[in-house]
Every structure is written in C-alpha cells, then in structure tokens.
Amino acid sequence: MMNRDEKRTRIAGLPPQLHKIDRRAVLYPSEPGGGTWISLNDTGVTLVLINWYSVNQRVVAGVISRGQVVNSACAAGTKDQVDSVVAPLPLAKINPFRLIGIFLATSEVFEWRWNLSKLEIHQHPWRPQQWISSGFDEPKAQQIRSATFRRAQTQNSAGTLEWLRRLHRSHHPDCGAFSTCMHRADAATVSSTEIVVSSGRATMRHHPGPPCQTSNQIVRHVNRI
C-alpha cells in the first residue's frame, strides 16, 4: 500500500486505468502528463517510485519527470527485465529516486537507488517493510513513521489487510507533517493505492483524497498469467 503526498496546489492525479504494454496487462494511476508512481501488471509485479529527498542534488536543466521511470518498466516480469529498462534511461536528467520492485512469483524485493551519480541495486528480505519519503524533513519523517510502523507491528492483527489500511490512515503520534497520513498547510496525503495479488487475480484499489477522509475507491483487476 502506498500513500502519495503532494503539494496542495498540484493537479490531482488520474485514477488507475488498464493499459496494454508489450503484451502485458498493466494497471496504474497517472499524472495528467502521463507519468505514474505505482504500477501492477498481470505477472503480479508491483513497482513503486518515491522521491529521494535526502539526496540534495537536483538536475539543473532539461529535467525528465521521475514518473517516466515506472512507465518505462511497468511491463517487466522479472528483476532483470527492470534492469534492462531502467539502466539505459537518461538518468542524468532525472532527479534522485528510489524504485521498489516486488516480485511475488520469486518472493523477491529489489530497490533501485539513483542519486545523480550512480544507480545502485539492493535486495531486501521478503518480509513486511516500509519506505518513507518527505520533502519537508525526510530524516525526521523516517524516524517518526518508522516508530509508528514498529508499534503497529505489535498488534494482533499485524499483517492483515485491515491492519495495513489502518496504518495508512494513521495520524500517530499527531496529525501533521510526520504522521503516516500526512497533513500540512501546504501539502497532504492526496491519495492512497492498495495492491492485492493472489494466485489467479491481481487487484488495485485507489482512494482519491486522504485515506482518513474518504471511503470512495476505484477498483481495477487483472487476471494473473
């Protein structure tokens, strides 16, 4: 599940749609300009991109949106296929990012980290994990949201879908810049996207607006191959 935090002045994203890319069925929400931050395809692969604000450097001119990274790789069915798409991208024109790939068929989690100098690939253990991005104060957001995550993992319901939904609605310890469901004067959690993959079907549920304030959701399915 992914909360998306943005400036309140930013144009709202579009709900998930089904796309056919390289003979794959792919679901993703999108920016009005076409980029995306999360995708799911019919092999059960999920890709998620977060901005990496802890890296201070930024592209000076000719910037390409980070939303094009997921767009380029969203049909990939394996880690190697993601590699083959991401590595040739014009990364020097793309601001720092962390791309997380979840590969259910092989129980693998990989992360591609681009810091404007080099692209590194890290493999993570197959277990519940959390990634955090904040343009306000990323180290403090990491500290507080990680504590909330660890606290939530002690609950009897930890790991269930309803537990995950509660976590992403959470305002612990206070409703503000560092709560999981984030609220600031200039920015907020603007949507939440949930992915569930089973043996025969993959589902994307998209909640426009902060997850603490809306019960509306857009549901899309693809059959797994």
C-alpha atoms as a PDB file:
ATOM      1  CA  MET A   1       0.000   0.000   0.000  1.00  0.00           C
ATOM      2  CA  MET A   2       1.262   3.480  -0.839  1.00  0.00           C
ATOM      3  CA  ASN A   3       0.208   6.916   0.366  1.00  0.00           C
ATOM      4  CA  ARG A   4       1.008   9.700  -2.054  1.00  0.00           C
ATOM      5  CA  ASP A   5       1.952  13.054  -0.510  1.00  0.00           C
ATOM      6  CA  GLU A   6       1.943  16.172  -2.673  1.00  0.00           C
ATOM      7  CA  LYS A   7       1.643  19.957  -2.546  1.00  0.00           C
ATOM      8  CA  ARG A   8      -1.976  21.051  -2.252  1.00  0.00           C
ATOM      9  CA  THR A   9      -1.525  23.185  -5.372  1.00  0.00           C
ATOM     10  CA  ARG A  10      -0.528  20.219  -7.552  1.00  0.00           C
ATOM     11  CA  ILE A  11      -3.064  18.991 -10.091  1.00  0.00           C
ATOM     12  CA  ALA A  12      -4.787  15.808  -8.900  1.00  0.00           C
ATOM     13  CA  GLY A  13      -3.674  12.503 -10.369  1.00  0.00           C
ATOM     14  CA  LEU A  14      -5.935  10.371 -12.548  1.00  0.00           C
ATOM     15  CA  PRO A  15      -7.398   7.064 -11.285  1.00  0.00           C
ATOM     16  CA  PRO A  16      -5.973   3.688 -12.361  1.00  0.00           C
ATOM     17  CA  GLN A  17      -6.651   2.507 -15.887  1.00  0.00           C
ATOM     18  CA  LEU A  18      -5.852  -0.721 -17.695  1.00  0.00           C
ATOM     19  CA  HIS A  19      -3.093  -0.476 -20.292  1.00  0.00           C
ATOM     20  CA  LYS A  20      -1.646  -2.979 -22.764  1.00  0.00           C
ATOM     21  CA  ILE A  21       2.153  -2.622 -22.874  1.00  0.00           C
ATOM     22  CA  ASP A  22       4.462  -5.137 -24.552  1.00  0.00           C
ATOM     23  CA  ARG A  23       1.630  -7.696 -24.491  1.00  0.00           C
ATOM     24  CA  ARG A  24       1.223  -7.239 -20.737  1.00  0.00           C
ATOM     25  CA  ALA A  25      -1.888  -6.016 -18.936  1.00  0.00           C
ATOM     26  CA  VAL A  26      -0.799  -3.183 -16.643  1.00  0.00           C
ATOM     27  CA  LEU A  27      -2.728  -1.091 -14.129  1.00  0.00           C
ATOM     28  CA  TYR A  28      -1.600   2.294 -12.882  1.00  0.00           C
ATOM     29  CA  PRO A  29      -2.895   5.729 -11.849  1.00  0.00           C
ATOM     30  CA  SER A  30      -1.222   8.605 -13.610  1.00  0.00           C
ATOM     31  CA  GLU A  31      -0.281  12.228 -13.673  1.00  0.00           C
ATOM     32  CA  PRO A  32      -2.221  14.344 -16.186  1.00  0.00           C
ATOM     33  CA  GLY A  33       1.047  14.398 -18.158  1.00  0.00           C
ATOM     34  CA  GLY A  34       1.228  10.605 -18.244  1.00  0.00           C
ATOM     35  CA  GLY A  35       3.794   9.598 -15.605  1.00  0.00           C
ATOM     36  CA  THR A  36       2.978   7.322 -12.686  1.00  0.00           C
ATOM     37  CA  TRP A  37       4.244   6.441  -9.228  1.00  0.00           C
ATOM     38  CA  ILE A  38       2.885   2.875  -8.830  1.00  0.00           C
ATOM     39  CA  SER A  39       2.038   0.025 -11.199  1.00  0.00           C
ATOM     40  CA  LEU A  40       0.802  -3.567 -11.192  1.00  0.00           C
ATOM     41  CA  ASN A  41       0.970  -5.984 -14.101  1.00  0.00           C
ATOM     42  CA  ASP A  42      -0.514  -9.373 -14.919  1.00  0.00           C
ATOM     43  CA  THR A  43       2.611 -11.232 -13.772  1.00  0.00           C
ATOM     44  CA  GLY A  44       1.930  -9.884 -10.266  1.00  0.00           C
ATOM     45  CA  VAL A  45       4.899  -7.497 -10.296  1.00  0.00           C
ATOM     46  CA  THR A  46       4.441  -4.207  -8.441  1.00  0.00           C
ATOM     47  CA  LEU A  47       6.691  -1.182  -8.984  1.00  0.00           C
ATOM     48  CA  VAL A  48       6.637   1.874  -6.720  1.00  0.00           C
ATOM     49  CA  LEU A  49       8.702   5.053  -7.034  1.00  0.00           C
ATOM     50  CA  ILE A  50       9.406   7.558  -4.264  1.00  0.00           C
ATOM     51  CA  ASN A  51      11.373  10.793  -4.454  1.00  0.00           C
ATOM     52  CA  TRP A  52      14.715  10.653  -2.642  1.00  0.00           C
ATOM     53  CA  TYR A  53      14.884  13.992  -0.862  1.00  0.00           C
ATOM     54  CA  SER A  54      17.842  13.015   1.342  1.00  0.00           C
ATOM     55  CA  VAL A  55      19.973  13.468  -1.778  1.00  0.00           C
ATOM     56  CA  ASN A  56      20.335  17.229  -2.077  1.00  0.00           C
ATOM     57  CA  GLN A  57      21.496  17.446  -5.692  1.00  0.00           C
ATOM     58  CA  ARG A  58      18.957  18.239  -8.413  1.00  0.00           C
ATOM     59  CA  VAL A  59      19.043  18.264 -12.199  1.00  0.00           C
ATOM     60  CA  VAL A  60      19.778  21.779 -13.409  1.00  0.00           C
ATOM     61  CA  ALA A  61      18.226  21.749 -16.901  1.00  0.00           C
ATOM     62  CA  GLY A  62      16.238  19.503 -19.198  1.00  0.00           C
ATOM     63  CA  VAL A  63      14.555  17.620 -16.344  1.00  0.00           C
ATOM     64  CA  ILE A  64      12.650  14.442 -17.189  1.00  0.00           C
ATOM     65  CA  SER A  65       9.841  13.543 -14.778  1.00  0.00           C
ATOM     66  CA  ARG A  66      10.537  10.686 -12.369  1.00  0.00           C
ATOM     67  CA  GLY A  67       7.068   9.442 -13.274  1.00  0.00           C
ATOM     68  CA  GLN A  68       8.516   8.167 -16.544  1.00  0.00           C
ATOM     69  CA  VAL A  69      10.655   5.586 -14.700  1.00  0.00           C
ATOM     70  CA  VAL A  70       7.718   3.395 -13.663  1.00  0.00           C
ATOM     71  CA  ASN A  71       6.048   3.965 -17.030  1.00  0.00           C
ATOM     72  CA  SER A  72       9.124   2.589 -18.757  1.00  0.00           C
ATOM     73  CA  ALA A  73       9.429  -0.540 -16.599  1.00  0.00           C
ATOM     74  CA  CYS A  74       5.830  -1.353 -15.676  1.00  0.00           C
ATOM     75  CA  ALA A  75       5.506  -4.324 -18.058  1.00  0.00           C
ATOM     76  CA  ALA A  76       8.568  -6.088 -16.608  1.00  0.00           C
ATOM     77  CA  GLY A  77       8.037  -9.539 -15.137  1.00  0.00           C
ATOM     78  CA  THR A  78      11.450 -10.011 -13.512  1.00  0.00           C
ATOM     79  CA  LYS A  79      14.198  -8.031 -11.815  1.00  0.00           C
ATOM     80  CA  ASP A  80      16.457  -8.473 -14.864  1.00  0.00           C
ATOM     81  CA  GLN A  81      13.783  -7.035 -17.125  1.00  0.00           C
ATOM     82  CA  VAL A  82      13.518  -3.977 -14.887  1.00  0.00           C
ATOM     83  CA  ASP A  83      17.318  -3.648 -15.048  1.00  0.00           C
ATOM     84  CA  SER A  84      17.263  -3.746 -18.819  1.00  0.00           C
ATOM     85  CA  VAL A  85      14.801  -0.851 -18.953  1.00  0.00           C
ATOM     86  CA  VAL A  86      15.991   1.393 -16.110  1.00  0.00           C
ATOM     87  CA  ALA A  87      19.743   1.317 -16.752  1.00  0.00           C
ATOM     88  CA  PRO A  88      19.534   2.821 -20.294  1.00  0.00           C
ATOM     89  CA  LEU A  89      17.202   5.666 -19.228  1.00  0.00           C
ATOM     90  CA  PRO A  90      18.662   9.215 -19.484  1.00  0.00           C
ATOM     91  CA  LEU A  91      19.191   9.175 -15.708  1.00  0.00           C
ATOM     92  CA  ALA A  92      21.351  12.307 -15.731  1.00  0.00           C
ATOM     93  CA  LYS A  93      18.146  14.234 -16.483  1.00  0.00           C
ATOM     94  CA  ILE A  94      16.055  12.510 -13.771  1.00  0.00           C
ATOM     95  CA  ASN A  95      16.127  13.693 -10.151  1.00  0.00           C
ATOM     96  CA  PRO A  96      17.057  11.263  -7.346  1.00  0.00           C
ATOM     97  CA  PHE A  97      14.612   8.423  -6.769  1.00  0.00           C
ATOM     98  CA  ARG A  98      14.127   5.061  -5.132  1.00  0.00           C
ATOM     99  CA  LEU A  99      12.315   2.457  -7.214  1.00  0.00           C
ATOM    100  CA  ILE A 100      10.972  -0.556  -5.318  1.00  0.00           C
ATOM    101  CA  GLY A 101      10.058  -3.741  -7.159  1.00  0.00           C
ATOM    102  CA  ILE A 102       8.034  -6.524  -5.513  1.00  0.00           C
ATOM    103  CA  PHE A 103       8.222  -9.841  -7.367  1.00  0.00           C
ATOM    104  CA  LEU A 104       5.706 -12.223  -5.858  1.00  0.00           C
ATOM    105  CA  ALA A 105       6.477 -15.186  -8.111  1.00  0.00           C
ATOM    106  CA  THR A 106      10.040 -15.363  -6.755  1.00  0.00           C
ATOM    107  CA  SER A 107       9.411 -13.794  -3.303  1.00  0.00           C
ATOM    108  CA  GLU A 108      11.943 -11.063  -4.028  1.00  0.00           C
ATOM    109  CA  VAL A 109      12.120  -7.342  -3.248  1.00  0.00           C
ATOM    110  CA  PHE A 110      14.624  -5.133  -5.042  1.00  0.00           C
ATOM    111  CA  GLU A 111      15.320  -1.425  -4.818  1.00  0.00           C
ATOM    112  CA  TRP A 112      16.977   0.726  -7.471  1.00  0.00           C
ATOM    113  CA  ARG A 113      18.535   3.886  -5.992  1.00  0.00           C
ATOM    114  CA  TRP A 114      19.547   6.778  -8.234  1.00  0.00           C
ATOM    115  CA  ASN A 115      21.467   9.642  -6.557  1.00  0.00           C
ATOM    116  CA  LEU A 116      22.510  11.578  -9.709  1.00  0.00           C
ATOM    117  CA  SER A 117      25.929   9.881  -9.594  1.00  0.00           C
ATOM    118  CA  LYS A 118      25.221   6.156  -9.806  1.00  0.00           C
ATOM    119  CA  LEU A 119      22.437   3.617  -9.923  1.00  0.00           C
ATOM    120  CA  GLU A 120      22.637   1.041  -7.143  1.00  0.00           C
ATOM    121  CA  ILE A 121      20.531  -2.073  -6.714  1.00  0.00           C
ATOM    122  CA  HIS A 122      19.733  -3.514  -3.293  1.00  0.00           C
ATOM    123  CA  GLN A 123      17.902  -6.738  -2.492  1.00  0.00           C
ATOM    124  CA  HIS A 124      15.691  -6.696   0.596  1.00  0.00           C
ATOM    125  CA  PRO A 125      14.419  -9.624   2.686  1.00  0.00           C
ATOM    126  CA  TRP A 126      10.963 -10.965   1.900  1.00  0.00           C
ATOM    127  CA  ARG A 127       9.162  -9.542   4.934  1.00  0.00           C
ATOM    128  CA  PRO A 128       6.960  -6.555   5.877  1.00  0.00           C
ATOM    129  CA  GLN A 129       8.841  -3.349   5.108  1.00  0.00           C
ATOM    130  CA  GLN A 130       8.324   0.371   4.912  1.00  0.00           C
ATOM    131  CA  TRP A 131       9.770   3.085   2.658  1.00  0.00           C
ATOM    132  CA  ILE A 132       9.446   6.763   3.509  1.00  0.00           C
ATOM    133  CA  SER A 133       9.844   9.956   1.519  1.00  0.00           C
ATOM    134  CA  SER A 134       9.370  13.532   2.713  1.00  0.00           C
ATOM    135  CA  GLY A 135      10.288  16.811   1.089  1.00  0.00           C
ATOM    136  CA  PHE A 136       9.727  18.570   4.416  1.00  0.00           C
ATOM    137  CA  ASP A 137      12.194  16.758   6.709  1.00  0.00           C
ATOM    138  CA  GLU A 138      13.000  13.269   5.452  1.00  0.00           C
ATOM    139  CA  PRO A 139      15.224  12.119   8.371  1.00  0.00           C
ATOM    140  CA  LYS A 140      12.607  13.118  10.962  1.00  0.00           C
ATOM    141  CA  ALA A 141       9.812  11.582   8.900  1.00  0.00           C
ATOM    142  CA  GLN A 142      11.855   8.369   8.725  1.00  0.00           C
ATOM    143  CA  GLN A 143      12.281   8.373  12.492  1.00  0.00           C
ATOM    144  CA  ILE A 144       8.652   9.047  13.431  1.00  0.00           C
ATOM    145  CA  ARG A 145       6.905   6.982  10.760  1.00  0.00           C
ATOM    146  CA  SER A 146       9.253   4.061  11.371  1.00  0.00           C
ATOM    147  CA  ALA A 147       8.345   4.175  15.066  1.00  0.00           C
ATOM    148  CA  THR A 148       4.662   4.125  14.120  1.00  0.00           C
ATOM    149  CA  PHE A 149       5.296   1.122  11.860  1.00  0.00           C
ATOM    150  CA  ARG A 150       7.143  -0.793  14.577  1.00  0.00           C
ATOM    151  CA  ARG A 151       4.383  -0.005  17.060  1.00  0.00           C
ATOM    152  CA  ALA A 152       1.730  -1.237  14.634  1.00  0.00           C
ATOM    153  CA  GLN A 153       3.606  -4.498  14.091  1.00  0.00           C
ATOM    154  CA  THR A 154       2.996  -5.442  17.742  1.00  0.00           C
ATOM    155  CA  GLN A 155      -0.776  -5.516  17.187  1.00  0.00           C
ATOM    156  CA  ASN A 156      -2.521  -8.883  16.978  1.00  0.00           C
ATOM    157  CA  SER A 157      -3.883  -8.003  13.549  1.00  0.00           C
ATOM    158  CA  ALA A 158      -0.445  -7.133  12.122  1.00  0.00           C
ATOM    159  CA  GLY A 159      -0.081  -8.206   8.516  1.00  0.00           C
ATOM    160  CA  THR A 160      -3.777  -8.284   7.692  1.00  0.00           C
ATOM    161  CA  LEU A 161      -5.294  -6.060   5.043  1.00  0.00           C
ATOM    162  CA  GLU A 162      -7.384  -4.103   7.529  1.00  0.00           C
ATOM    163  CA  TRP A 163      -4.266  -3.538   9.650  1.00  0.00           C
ATOM    164  CA  LEU A 164      -2.468  -2.123   6.617  1.00  0.00           C
ATOM    165  CA  ARG A 165      -5.381   0.184   5.878  1.00  0.00           C
ATOM    166  CA  ARG A 166      -5.440   1.453   9.454  1.00  0.00           C
ATOM    167  CA  LEU A 167      -1.714   2.127   9.315  1.00  0.00           C
ATOM    168  CA  HIS A 168      -2.076   4.254   6.200  1.00  0.00           C
ATOM    169  CA  ARG A 169      -4.933   6.212   7.798  1.00  0.00           C
ATOM    170  CA  SER A 170      -2.900   6.734  10.964  1.00  0.00           C
ATOM    171  CA  HIS A 171      -2.218  10.148  12.481  1.00  0.00           C
ATOM    172  CA  HIS A 172       0.020   8.729  15.209  1.00  0.00           C
ATOM    173  CA  PRO A 173       1.627  10.348  17.156  1.00  0.00           C
ATOM    174  CA  ASP A 174      -0.004  13.594  15.935  1.00  0.00           C
ATOM    175  CA  CYS A 175      -1.870  14.655  12.821  1.00  0.00           C
ATOM    176  CA  GLY A 176       0.719  16.656  10.929  1.00  0.00           C
ATOM    177  CA  ALA A 177       3.842  16.594   8.800  1.00  0.00           C
ATOM    178  CA  PHE A 178       5.161  13.309  10.206  1.00  0.00           C
ATOM    179  CA  SER A 179       2.046  11.170  10.543  1.00  0.00           C
ATOM    180  CA  THR A 180       1.637   8.341   8.021  1.00  0.00           C
ATOM    181  CA  CYS A 181      -1.494  10.043   6.688  1.00  0.00           C
ATOM    182  CA  MET A 182       0.192  13.419   6.330  1.00  0.00           C
ATOM    183  CA  HIS A 183      -1.371  16.862   6.731  1.00  0.00           C
ATOM    184  CA  ARG A 184       0.440  20.205   6.419  1.00  0.00           C
ATOM    185  CA  ALA A 185      -0.725  23.677   5.492  1.00  0.00           C
ATOM    186  CA  ASP A 186       0.959  23.416   2.089  1.00  0.00           C
ATOM    187  CA  ALA A 187       0.857  19.666   1.432  1.00  0.00           C
ATOM    188  CA  ALA A 188      -1.007  16.491   2.361  1.00  0.00           C
ATOM    189  CA  THR A 189      -1.569  12.859   1.556  1.00  0.00           C
ATOM    190  CA  VAL A 190      -3.598  13.252  -1.637  1.00  0.00           C
ATOM    191  CA  SER A 191      -4.354   9.596  -2.433  1.00  0.00           C
ATOM    192  CA  SER A 192      -3.698   6.031  -1.362  1.00  0.00           C
ATOM    193  CA  THR A 193      -3.232   2.984  -3.585  1.00  0.00           C
ATOM    194  CA  GLU A 194      -3.548  -0.621  -2.411  1.00  0.00           C
ATOM    195  CA  ILE A 195      -2.445  -3.735  -4.277  1.00  0.00           C
ATOM    196  CA  VAL A 196      -3.519  -7.302  -3.500  1.00  0.00           C
ATOM    197  CA  VAL A 197      -2.130 -10.192  -5.527  1.00  0.00           C
ATOM    198  CA  SER A 198      -3.499 -13.739  -5.318  1.00  0.00           C
ATOM    199  CA  SER A 199      -2.830 -16.841  -7.376  1.00  0.00           C
ATOM    200  CA  GLY A 200      -5.363 -16.008 -10.070  1.00  0.00           C
ATOM    201  CA  ARG A 201      -6.019 -12.278  -9.872  1.00  0.00           C
ATOM    202  CA  ALA A 202      -4.328  -9.012  -9.024  1.00  0.00           C
ATOM    203  CA  THR A 203      -6.325  -6.045  -7.721  1.00  0.00           C
ATOM    204  CA  MET A 204      -5.536  -2.343  -7.433  1.00  0.00           C
ATOM    205  CA  ARG A 205      -7.741  -0.180  -5.183  1.00  0.00           C
ATOM    206  CA  HIS A 206      -7.236   3.559  -5.410  1.00  0.00           C
ATOM    207  CA  HIS A 207      -8.564   6.050  -2.852  1.00  0.00           C
ATOM    208  CA  PRO A 208      -8.595   9.634  -4.176  1.00  0.00           C
ATOM    209  CA  GLY A 209      -8.037  12.029  -1.322  1.00  0.00           C
ATOM    210  CA  PRO A 210      -6.544  11.400   2.125  1.00  0.00           C
ATOM    211  CA  PRO A 211      -7.341   7.844   3.302  1.00  0.00           C
ATOM    212  CA  CYS A 212      -8.547   9.231   6.645  1.00  0.00           C
ATOM    213  CA  GLN A 213     -11.253  11.307   4.948  1.00  0.00           C
ATOM    214  CA  THR A 214     -12.696   9.257   2.120  1.00  0.00           C
ATOM    215  CA  SER A 215     -14.394   5.922   1.702  1.00  0.00           C
ATOM    216  CA  ASN A 216     -14.585   6.220  -2.083  1.00  0.00           C
ATOM    217  CA  GLN A 217     -12.401   3.835  -4.017  1.00  0.00           C
ATOM    218  CA  ILE A 218     -11.766   2.875  -7.606  1.00  0.00           C
ATOM    219  CA  VAL A 219     -11.159  -0.857  -8.084  1.00  0.00           C
ATOM    220  CA  ARG A 220      -9.446  -2.446 -11.068  1.00  0.00           C
ATOM    221  CA  HIS A 221      -8.481  -6.091 -11.652  1.00  0.00           C
ATOM    222  CA  VAL A 222      -6.205  -8.044 -13.952  1.00  0.00           C
ATOM    223  CA  ASN A 223      -6.041 -11.808 -14.321  1.00  0.00           C
ATOM    224  CA  ARG A 224      -2.619 -13.205 -13.460  1.00  0.00           C
ATOM    225  CA  ILE A 225      -0.842 -15.217 -16.094  1.00  0.00           C
END
